[in-house]
C-alpha atoms as a PDB file:
ATOM      1  CA  MET A   1       0.021   0.008   0.000  1.00  0.00           C
ATOM      2  CA  THR A   2       1.383   3.370  -0.964  1.00  0.00           C
ATOM      3  CA  ASN A   3       1.772   6.096   1.638  1.00  0.00           C
ATOM      4  CA  GLN A   4      -0.617   9.006   1.538  1.00  0.00           C
ATOM      5  CA  LYS A   5       0.935  12.264   0.545  1.00  0.00           C
ATOM      6  CA  SER A   6       0.710  15.211   2.996  1.00  0.00           C
ATOM      7  CA  PHE A   7       0.324  18.865   2.023  1.00  0.00           C
ATOM      8  CA  ASN A   8       1.575  21.905   3.880  1.00  0.00           C
ATOM      9  CA  TYR A   9      -1.370  24.352   3.673  1.00  0.00           C
ATOM     10  CA  GLN A  10      -0.920  27.925   4.891  1.00  0.00           C
ATOM     11  CA  PHE A  11      -3.860  29.730   6.380  1.00  0.00           C
ATOM     12  CA  LYS A  12      -4.285  33.461   7.112  1.00  0.00           C
ATOM     13  CA  VAL A  13      -4.006  34.258  10.806  1.00  0.00           C
ATOM     14  CA  ASN A  14      -6.272  36.864  12.342  1.00  0.00           C
ATOM     15  CA  PHE A  15      -4.128  38.315  15.165  1.00  0.00           C
ATOM     16  CA  ASN A  16      -6.462  38.813  18.120  1.00  0.00           C
ATOM     17  CA  GLU A  17      -5.357  39.262  21.729  1.00  0.00           C
ATOM     18  CA  LEU A  18      -8.187  37.031  22.887  1.00  0.00           C
ATOM     19  CA  ASP A  19      -6.509  34.173  20.971  1.00  0.00           C
ATOM     20  CA  PHE A  20      -3.186  34.679  22.811  1.00  0.00           C
ATOM     21  CA  PHE A  21      -2.809  32.340  25.752  1.00  0.00           C
ATOM     22  CA  VAL A  22      -1.392  34.249  28.810  1.00  0.00           C
ATOM     23  CA  ASN A  23       0.300  32.720  31.821  1.00  0.00           C
ATOM     24  CA  LYS A  24       3.342  33.292  33.991  1.00  0.00           C
ATOM     25  CA  THR A  25       5.758  32.759  31.096  1.00  0.00           C
ATOM     26  CA  ASN A  26       4.501  35.740  29.073  1.00  0.00           C
ATOM     27  CA  PHE A  27       2.218  37.847  31.349  1.00  0.00           C
ATOM     28  CA  ASN A  28       4.691  40.767  31.719  1.00  0.00           C
ATOM     29  CA  ALA A  29       5.326  40.984  28.024  1.00  0.00           C
ATOM     30  CA  PHE A  30       1.660  40.655  27.106  1.00  0.00           C
ATOM     31  CA  ASN A  31       0.492  43.139  29.664  1.00  0.00           C
ATOM     32  CA  ASN A  32       3.018  45.806  28.668  1.00  0.00           C
ATOM     33  CA  ILE A  33       2.355  45.468  24.994  1.00  0.00           C
ATOM     34  CA  ILE A  34      -1.461  45.485  25.322  1.00  0.00           C
ATOM     35  CA  SER A  35      -1.430  48.394  27.790  1.00  0.00           C
ATOM     36  CA  ASP A  36       0.289  50.436  25.033  1.00  0.00           C
ATOM     37  CA  ASN A  37       2.214  52.641  27.437  1.00  0.00           C
ATOM     38  CA  LEU A  38       5.709  52.142  25.887  1.00  0.00           C
ATOM     39  CA  ASN A  39       7.138  53.728  22.841  1.00  0.00           C
ATOM     40  CA  LEU A  40      10.369  51.776  22.417  1.00  0.00           C
ATOM     41  CA  ILE A  41      10.158  48.012  22.951  1.00  0.00           C
ATOM     42  CA  PHE A  42      12.641  45.205  22.459  1.00  0.00           C
ATOM     43  CA  LEU A  43      10.736  41.883  22.812  1.00  0.00           C
ATOM     44  CA  TYR A  44      12.824  38.729  23.274  1.00  0.00           C
ATOM     45  CA  GLY A  45      11.439  35.218  23.181  1.00  0.00           C
ATOM     46  CA  PRO A  46      12.533  31.699  22.200  1.00  0.00           C
ATOM     47  CA  ASN A  47      11.596  30.474  18.664  1.00  0.00           C
ATOM     48  CA  LYS A  48       7.891  29.584  18.456  1.00  0.00           C
ATOM     49  CA  SER A  49       7.095  31.338  21.772  1.00  0.00           C
ATOM     50  CA  GLY A  50       4.395  33.548  20.255  1.00  0.00           C
ATOM     51  CA  LYS A  51       6.381  36.753  20.098  1.00  0.00           C
ATOM     52  CA  SER A  52       5.562  37.297  16.437  1.00  0.00           C
ATOM     53  CA  PHE A  53       1.838  36.770  17.223  1.00  0.00           C
ATOM     54  CA  LEU A  54       2.046  39.282  20.092  1.00  0.00           C
ATOM     55  CA  ALA A  55       3.984  41.712  17.869  1.00  0.00           C
ATOM     56  CA  HIS A  56       1.341  41.573  15.206  1.00  0.00           C
ATOM     57  CA  ILE A  57      -1.348  42.350  17.732  1.00  0.00           C
ATOM     58  CA  TRP A  58       0.739  45.450  18.635  1.00  0.00           C
ATOM     59  CA  LYS A  59       1.135  46.287  14.994  1.00  0.00           C
ATOM     60  CA  LYS A  60      -2.654  46.204  14.462  1.00  0.00           C
ATOM     61  CA  ASN A  61      -3.383  48.175  17.591  1.00  0.00           C
ATOM     62  CA  ASN A  62      -0.853  50.886  16.685  1.00  0.00           C
ATOM     63  CA  TYR A  63      -1.429  51.043  12.968  1.00  0.00           C
ATOM     64  CA  ALA A  64       2.191  50.332  12.444  1.00  0.00           C
ATOM     65  CA  ILE A  65       4.154  49.469   9.277  1.00  0.00           C
ATOM     66  CA  GLN A  66       6.240  46.343   9.330  1.00  0.00           C
ATOM     67  CA  LEU A  67       9.749  46.401   7.917  1.00  0.00           C
ATOM     68  CA  GLU A  68      10.118  43.838   5.151  1.00  0.00           C
ATOM     69  CA  ASN A  69      11.660  44.577   1.767  1.00  0.00           C
ATOM     70  CA  ASN A  70      10.349  48.123   1.985  1.00  0.00           C
ATOM     71  CA  PHE A  71      13.101  50.132   3.673  1.00  0.00           C
ATOM     72  CA  LYS A  72      12.738  53.107   1.291  1.00  0.00           C
ATOM     73  CA  ILE A  73       9.212  53.763   2.498  1.00  0.00           C
ATOM     74  CA  PHE A  74      10.630  54.714   5.869  1.00  0.00           C
ATOM     75  CA  LEU A  75      12.868  57.479   4.382  1.00  0.00           C
ATOM     76  CA  ASP A  76       9.898  59.917   4.198  1.00  0.00           C
ATOM     77  CA  LYS A  77       6.957  58.254   5.972  1.00  0.00           C
ATOM     78  CA  LYS A  78       6.420  58.910   9.691  1.00  0.00           C
ATOM     79  CA  SER A  79       4.703  55.844  11.105  1.00  0.00           C
ATOM     80  CA  ASN A  80       4.942  53.435  13.992  1.00  0.00           C
ATOM     81  CA  VAL A  81       7.190  50.541  13.100  1.00  0.00           C
ATOM     82  CA  LEU A  82       7.357  46.788  13.719  1.00  0.00           C
ATOM     83  CA  ILE A  83      10.614  45.015  13.072  1.00  0.00           C
ATOM     84  CA  ASP A  84       9.914  41.295  13.519  1.00  0.00           C
ATOM     85  CA  ASN A  85      13.127  39.328  13.906  1.00  0.00           C
ATOM     86  CA  ILE A  86      15.874  41.954  13.884  1.00  0.00           C
ATOM     87  CA  SER A  87      18.450  39.465  12.590  1.00  0.00           C
ATOM     88  CA  LYS A  88      16.774  39.416   9.150  1.00  0.00           C
ATOM     89  CA  TYR A  89      17.691  43.044   8.427  1.00  0.00           C
ATOM     90  CA  LYS A  90      20.719  45.239   7.842  1.00  0.00           C
ATOM     91  CA  GLU A  91      21.904  46.851  11.063  1.00  0.00           C
ATOM     92  CA  GLU A  92      22.373  50.261   9.326  1.00  0.00           C
ATOM     93  CA  ASP A  93      18.725  50.177   8.153  1.00  0.00           C
ATOM     94  CA  VAL A  94      17.482  49.297  11.603  1.00  0.00           C
ATOM     95  CA  PHE A  95      19.588  51.999  13.148  1.00  0.00           C
ATOM     96  CA  TYR A  96      18.124  54.584  10.789  1.00  0.00           C
ATOM     97  CA  ILE A  97      14.511  53.526  11.522  1.00  0.00           C
ATOM     98  CA  VAL A  98      15.239  53.515  15.334  1.00  0.00           C
ATOM     99  CA  ASN A  99      16.643  57.025  15.168  1.00  0.00           C
ATOM    100  CA  ASN A 100      13.740  58.226  13.050  1.00  0.00           C
ATOM    101  CA  CYS A 101      11.256  56.833  15.512  1.00  0.00           C
ATOM    102  CA  ILE A 102      13.018  58.459  18.466  1.00  0.00           C
ATOM    103  CA  LEU A 103      13.346  61.842  16.668  1.00  0.00           C
ATOM    104  CA  ASN A 104       9.650  61.899  15.694  1.00  0.00           C
ATOM    105  CA  LYS A 105       8.362  60.351  18.951  1.00  0.00           C
ATOM    106  CA  LEU A 106       6.984  57.347  17.159  1.00  0.00           C
ATOM    107  CA  LYS A 107       6.466  53.849  18.523  1.00  0.00           C
ATOM    108  CA  ILE A 108       8.629  50.936  17.508  1.00  0.00           C
ATOM    109  CA  LEU A 109       8.592  47.279  18.514  1.00  0.00           C
ATOM    110  CA  ILE A 110      11.546  45.021  17.680  1.00  0.00           C
ATOM    111  CA  THR A 111      11.474  41.253  18.203  1.00  0.00           C
ATOM    112  CA  SER A 112      14.399  38.854  18.502  1.00  0.00           C
ATOM    113  CA  ASN A 113      15.176  35.176  19.147  1.00  0.00           C
ATOM    114  CA  SER A 114      18.278  36.414  21.023  1.00  0.00           C
ATOM    115  CA  LYS A 115      18.702  38.764  23.984  1.00  0.00           C
ATOM    116  CA  ILE A 116      20.388  42.095  23.225  1.00  0.00           C
ATOM    117  CA  ASN A 117      23.601  41.090  25.037  1.00  0.00           C
ATOM    118  CA  GLU A 118      23.733  37.889  23.042  1.00  0.00           C
ATOM    119  CA  ILE A 119      23.635  39.546  19.628  1.00  0.00           C
ATOM    120  CA  ASP A 120      27.022  40.151  18.001  1.00  0.00           C
ATOM    121  CA  PHE A 121      26.357  43.642  16.660  1.00  0.00           C
ATOM    122  CA  GLN A 122      28.797  44.958  13.994  1.00  0.00           C
ATOM    123  CA  PHE A 123      27.164  48.386  14.237  1.00  0.00           C
ATOM    124  CA  LEU A 124      27.840  49.331  17.844  1.00  0.00           C
ATOM    125  CA  ASP A 125      25.728  52.488  17.749  1.00  0.00           C
ATOM    126  CA  LEU A 126      22.679  50.231  17.167  1.00  0.00           C
ATOM    127  CA  SER A 127      23.490  48.166  20.209  1.00  0.00           C
ATOM    128  CA  SER A 128      23.737  51.361  22.319  1.00  0.00           C
ATOM    129  CA  ARG A 129      20.344  52.554  21.000  1.00  0.00           C
ATOM    130  CA  LEU A 130      18.632  49.215  21.731  1.00  0.00           C
ATOM    131  CA  LYS A 131      19.880  49.081  25.219  1.00  0.00           C
ATOM    132  CA  THR A 132      17.788  52.148  25.968  1.00  0.00           C
ATOM    133  CA  PHE A 133      14.615  50.301  24.918  1.00  0.00           C
ATOM    134  CA  ASN A 134      12.089  48.826  27.242  1.00  0.00           C
ATOM    135  CA  TYR A 135      13.090  45.194  27.394  1.00  0.00           C
ATOM    136  CA  LEU A 136      10.354  42.542  27.514  1.00  0.00           C
ATOM    137  CA  GLU A 137      10.899  38.832  27.648  1.00  0.00           C
ATOM    138  CA  ILE A 138       8.870  35.704  27.008  1.00  0.00           C
ATOM    139  CA  ASN A 139      10.242  32.980  29.213  1.00  0.00           C
ATOM    140  CA  GLN A 140      10.740  29.302  28.447  1.00  0.00           C
ATOM    141  CA  PRO A 141       7.368  27.353  28.777  1.00  0.00           C
ATOM    142  CA  ASN A 142       6.214  25.918  32.001  1.00  0.00           C
ATOM    143  CA  ASP A 143       4.052  22.788  32.341  1.00  0.00           C
ATOM    144  CA  GLU A 144       0.802  24.700  31.885  1.00  0.00           C
ATOM    145  CA  MET A 145       2.073  26.390  28.694  1.00  0.00           C
ATOM    146  CA  LEU A 146       3.422  23.201  27.202  1.00  0.00           C
ATOM    147  CA  LEU A 147       0.120  21.401  27.734  1.00  0.00           C
ATOM    148  CA  THR A 148      -1.834  24.311  26.329  1.00  0.00           C
ATOM    149  CA  ILE A 149       0.308  24.517  23.145  1.00  0.00           C
ATOM    150  CA  LEU A 150       0.241  20.790  22.688  1.00  0.00           C
ATOM    151  CA  THR A 151      -3.538  20.652  23.045  1.00  0.00           C
ATOM    152  CA  LYS A 152      -4.058  23.607  20.638  1.00  0.00           C
ATOM    153  CA  LEU A 153      -1.748  22.166  17.969  1.00  0.00           C
ATOM    154  CA  LEU A 154      -3.399  18.788  18.136  1.00  0.00           C
ATOM    155  CA  ILE A 155      -6.819  20.335  17.853  1.00  0.00           C
ATOM    156  CA  ASP A 156      -5.722  22.534  14.927  1.00  0.00           C
ATOM    157  CA  LYS A 157      -4.439  19.410  13.173  1.00  0.00           C
ATOM    158  CA  GLN A 158      -7.843  17.679  13.870  1.00  0.00           C
ATOM    159  CA  PHE A 159      -6.288  14.747  15.714  1.00  0.00           C
ATOM    160  CA  ILE A 160      -8.730  12.415  17.388  1.00  0.00           C
ATOM    161  CA  ILE A 161      -7.460  11.805  20.940  1.00  0.00           C
ATOM    162  CA  ASN A 162      -8.874   8.702  22.605  1.00  0.00           C
ATOM    163  CA  SER A 163      -6.818   8.848  25.739  1.00  0.00           C
ATOM    164  CA  ASN A 164      -5.504  11.675  27.955  1.00  0.00           C
ATOM    165  CA  ASP A 165      -2.406   9.461  28.476  1.00  0.00           C
ATOM    166  CA  ILE A 166      -1.195  10.639  25.071  1.00  0.00           C
ATOM    167  CA  PHE A 167      -0.620  14.134  26.311  1.00  0.00           C
ATOM    168  CA  GLU A 168       1.392  12.966  29.354  1.00  0.00           C
ATOM    169  CA  TYR A 169       3.333  10.523  27.262  1.00  0.00           C
ATOM    170  CA  ILE A 170       4.421  13.199  24.794  1.00  0.00           C
ATOM    171  CA  LEU A 171       5.247  15.858  27.397  1.00  0.00           C
ATOM    172  CA  ARG A 172       7.427  13.472  29.378  1.00  0.00           C
ATOM    173  CA  ARG A 173       9.580  12.642  26.336  1.00  0.00           C
ATOM    174  CA  VAL A 174       9.612  15.652  24.070  1.00  0.00           C
ATOM    175  CA  ASP A 175      12.100  18.479  24.032  1.00  0.00           C
ATOM    176  CA  ARG A 176      10.434  20.812  26.557  1.00  0.00           C
ATOM    177  CA  SER A 177      10.577  23.957  24.481  1.00  0.00           C
ATOM    178  CA  TYR A 178       8.200  25.868  22.237  1.00  0.00           C
ATOM    179  CA  GLU A 179       9.932  24.626  19.164  1.00  0.00           C
ATOM    180  CA  GLY A 180      10.091  21.067  20.501  1.00  0.00           C
ATOM    181  CA  ILE A 181       6.319  20.898  20.854  1.00  0.00           C
ATOM    182  CA  HIS A 182       5.765  22.316  17.372  1.00  0.00           C
ATOM    183  CA  ASN A 183       8.228  19.941  15.816  1.00  0.00           C
ATOM    184  CA  ILE A 184       6.791  16.792  17.353  1.00  0.00           C
ATOM    185  CA  VAL A 185       3.189  17.697  16.333  1.00  0.00           C
ATOM    186  CA  ALA A 186       4.346  18.406  12.768  1.00  0.00           C
ATOM    187  CA  LYS A 187       6.088  14.985  12.610  1.00  0.00           C
ATOM    188  CA  LEU A 188       3.013  13.185  14.058  1.00  0.00           C
ATOM    189  CA  ASP A 189       0.823  14.964  11.591  1.00  0.00           C
ATOM    190  CA  ILE A 190       2.807  13.688   8.655  1.00  0.00           C
ATOM    191  CA  LEU A 191       3.125  10.186  10.088  1.00  0.00           C
ATOM    192  CA  THR A 192      -0.562   9.722  10.791  1.00  0.00           C
ATOM    193  CA  LEU A 193      -1.484  10.888   7.303  1.00  0.00           C
ATOM    194  CA  GLU A 194       1.096   8.646   5.626  1.00  0.00           C
ATOM    195  CA  LYS A 195       0.091   5.579   7.705  1.00  0.00           C
ATOM    196  CA  LYS A 196      -3.597   6.429   7.784  1.00  0.00           C
ATOM    197  CA  ARG A 197      -3.640   5.662  11.529  1.00  0.00           C
ATOM    198  CA  GLN A 198      -5.073   7.500  14.569  1.00  0.00           C
ATOM    199  CA  LEU A 199      -2.778   9.032  17.121  1.00  0.00           C
ATOM    200  CA  THR A 200      -1.815   6.351  19.602  1.00  0.00           C
ATOM    201  CA  ILE A 201       1.136   5.805  21.947  1.00  0.00           C
ATOM    202  CA  PRO A 202       2.584   3.008  19.775  1.00  0.00           C
ATOM    203  CA  LEU A 203       2.563   5.396  16.846  1.00  0.00           C
ATOM    204  CA  ILE A 204       4.205   8.158  18.870  1.00  0.00           C
ATOM    205  CA  LYS A 205       6.916   5.648  19.891  1.00  0.00           C
ATOM    206  CA  GLU A 206       7.933   5.500  16.220  1.00  0.00           C
ATOM    207  CA  ILE A 207       9.085   9.142  16.507  1.00  0.00           C
ATOM    208  CA  LEU A 208      10.092   9.596  20.157  1.00  0.00           C
END
């Protein structure tokens, strides 16, 4: 019997603060961004921690423009700015945008997978500027966050769960990080489709 092919469909996300799960790991970051009292924000969080989701909530609430392949638009336009994943962009461009926001009293939110002190800046003036920002951090996931993410991902993938033991089995063995949870669910999704089997502990053992 041939394996069933799987397809990676991409769906549009409607960034809504009511859809963002808040607990001890991200409460401070969420609260400060939603309260909208800060103009200069540097948001750090591990990969897949939800910082981009939170940043896009901020972007929507502040009518901000996101830096992508559109640097020239910032040369004349005065607008609040989102820079999602600072490592993707030229340091000189980021430095210009940061200075422009400070000069014109605009809001700017910058996200990163690394803490400021962990980034090897070649443009030291940018490092100095960013260290004046309000620093917000999403912490590594606790047990509640891991279970919530795992449950949501399995529901999103429309898994049929016949036993709560499956959750405990996965969480005891998986890399206990945001990225680890996402990776295992992606692998299970492909495996269940290919083998046309429901999600069971024996099937999970094939991966873990």
